[in-house]
Amino acid sequence: MAIATLGSVVLDCPDPVALAGFYSQVLGGEIEDDGNGWVDLTGAPGAPLAFQSAPGFVPPVWPRPDGSQQFHLDLTVEDLDTAEKQVLALGATLLDAADPARNWRVYADPAGHPFCLCAA
């Protein structure tokens, strides 16, 4: 028997409304801002995301041979090339160039969190 259920995945960031806006454009859903540094992304399929203000936020470095990236999001897409163009236009940064042998690519969101686009 499980002890708990996943409430949401929370990303620390310097601007929760802006980062929620980025993920809203990528995943869909509505932005709910509590006005106190916490923003929920509701109505998007998959695990719920939330964003909280983190004064002094320092984004993870990827790749980093002497440390870890902490976590990353895997986002499933129908067409990698099309999705790549879209997330880059929204402010993502390509971290790992496409390799024809892989069915995924690595990016950073506007706050620097790594995420992957993965072919369905």
Protein backbone atom coordinates (compact mmCIF):
# COMPACT_ATOMS: atom_id res chain seq x y z
CA MET A 1 0.00 0.00 0.00
CA ALA A 2 1.32 3.41 -0.96
CA ILE A 3 2.10 5.95 1.74
CA ALA A 4 1.37 8.98 -0.42
CA THR A 5 0.39 10.22 -3.85
CA LEU A 6 2.26 12.74 -5.96
CA GLY A 7 0.71 16.17 -5.41
CA SER A 8 2.85 18.08 -7.90
CA VAL A 9 6.38 18.61 -9.15
CA VAL A 10 7.56 22.02 -7.90
CA LEU A 11 10.28 24.01 -9.66
CA ASP A 12 12.15 26.75 -7.82
CA CYS A 13 12.76 29.78 -10.02
CA PRO A 14 13.29 33.54 -9.97
CA ASP A 15 9.93 34.35 -11.66
CA PRO A 16 7.19 31.75 -11.11
CA VAL A 17 4.62 33.48 -13.34
CA ALA A 18 7.03 33.68 -16.28
CA LEU A 19 8.16 30.06 -15.94
CA ALA A 20 4.57 28.86 -15.57
CA GLY A 21 3.81 30.79 -18.77
CA PHE A 22 6.58 28.93 -20.59
CA TYR A 23 5.30 25.51 -19.48
CA SER A 24 1.69 26.55 -20.17
CA GLN A 25 2.69 27.21 -23.78
CA VAL A 26 4.51 23.86 -23.97
CA LEU A 27 2.03 21.63 -22.09
CA GLY A 28 -1.24 23.55 -22.09
CA GLY A 29 -3.15 24.31 -18.92
CA GLU A 30 -4.04 27.40 -16.95
CA ILE A 31 -1.86 29.51 -14.69
CA GLU A 32 -3.09 30.05 -11.12
CA ASP A 33 -1.00 32.66 -9.27
CA ASP A 34 -1.56 32.91 -5.51
CA GLY A 35 0.19 36.29 -5.46
CA ASN A 36 2.69 35.12 -2.84
CA GLY A 37 5.38 33.55 -5.01
CA TRP A 38 3.53 30.29 -5.76
CA VAL A 39 1.99 29.43 -9.14
CA ASP A 40 0.16 26.26 -10.16
CA LEU A 41 -0.23 25.01 -13.72
CA THR A 42 -3.65 23.35 -13.77
CA GLY A 43 -5.53 21.39 -16.37
CA ALA A 44 -2.49 20.11 -18.29
CA PRO A 45 -2.26 16.35 -18.81
CA GLY A 46 0.31 14.47 -16.74
CA ALA A 47 1.79 15.21 -13.34
CA PRO A 48 0.83 18.64 -11.99
CA LEU A 49 3.53 21.33 -12.06
CA ALA A 50 3.94 24.22 -9.65
CA PHE A 51 6.48 27.02 -9.49
CA GLN A 52 7.78 28.84 -6.44
CA SER A 53 9.83 31.96 -6.03
CA ALA A 54 13.35 31.18 -4.88
CA PRO A 55 15.42 34.24 -3.97
CA GLY A 56 19.03 33.65 -4.98
CA PHE A 57 18.02 30.86 -7.38
CA VAL A 58 20.99 29.31 -9.17
CA PRO A 59 20.08 27.08 -12.13
CA PRO A 60 21.65 23.65 -12.46
CA VAL A 61 24.61 23.28 -14.81
CA TRP A 62 24.30 20.63 -17.51
CA PRO A 63 26.27 18.64 -18.28
CA ARG A 64 28.32 18.78 -15.13
CA PRO A 65 30.83 15.99 -14.56
CA ASP A 66 31.34 16.84 -10.87
CA GLY A 67 27.67 17.06 -9.88
CA SER A 68 24.15 16.14 -10.83
CA GLN A 69 21.37 17.97 -12.60
CA GLN A 70 19.08 17.20 -9.60
CA PHE A 71 16.13 16.21 -11.80
CA HIS A 72 14.70 16.84 -15.25
CA LEU A 73 11.35 16.60 -16.99
CA ASP A 74 10.76 14.18 -19.89
CA LEU A 75 8.14 15.65 -22.23
CA THR A 76 6.72 13.34 -24.90
CA VAL A 77 6.13 14.84 -28.37
CA GLU A 78 4.91 13.55 -31.73
CA ASP A 79 7.60 15.27 -33.83
CA LEU A 80 10.99 16.23 -32.35
CA ASP A 81 11.93 18.74 -35.04
CA THR A 82 8.63 20.62 -34.82
CA ALA A 83 8.61 20.59 -31.01
CA GLU A 84 12.22 21.79 -30.93
CA LYS A 85 11.40 24.83 -33.06
CA GLN A 86 8.43 25.62 -30.81
CA VAL A 87 10.24 25.38 -27.45
CA LEU A 88 13.20 27.38 -28.76
CA ALA A 89 10.80 30.12 -29.92
CA LEU A 90 9.34 30.17 -26.38
CA GLY A 91 12.76 30.76 -24.81
CA ALA A 92 14.23 27.29 -24.24
CA THR A 93 17.94 26.71 -24.85
CA LEU A 94 19.31 23.64 -26.63
CA LEU A 95 21.78 21.87 -24.33
CA ASP A 96 22.55 18.76 -26.36
CA ALA A 97 22.45 18.71 -30.15
CA ALA A 98 20.37 16.12 -31.93
CA ASP A 99 21.95 12.72 -32.43
CA PRO A 100 20.20 10.65 -35.12
CA ALA A 101 20.69 7.53 -33.00
CA ARG A 102 18.60 8.97 -30.13
CA ASN A 103 14.90 9.65 -29.83
CA TRP A 104 15.33 12.52 -27.33
CA ARG A 105 16.97 15.95 -27.05
CA VAL A 106 18.00 18.00 -24.03
CA TYR A 107 17.04 21.66 -23.40
CA ALA A 108 16.94 24.17 -20.56
CA ASP A 109 13.78 26.11 -19.76
CA PRO A 110 14.07 29.91 -19.40
CA ALA A 111 15.07 29.53 -15.73
CA GLY A 112 17.76 26.94 -16.57
CA HIS A 113 16.05 23.67 -15.54
CA PRO A 114 16.94 20.83 -17.91
CA PHE A 115 14.14 19.02 -19.74
CA CYS A 116 14.03 16.51 -22.57
CA LEU A 117 11.76 16.29 -25.56
CA CYS A 118 11.22 12.59 -26.21
CA ALA A 119 9.70 11.08 -29.33
CA ALA A 120 6.39 9.31 -28.72
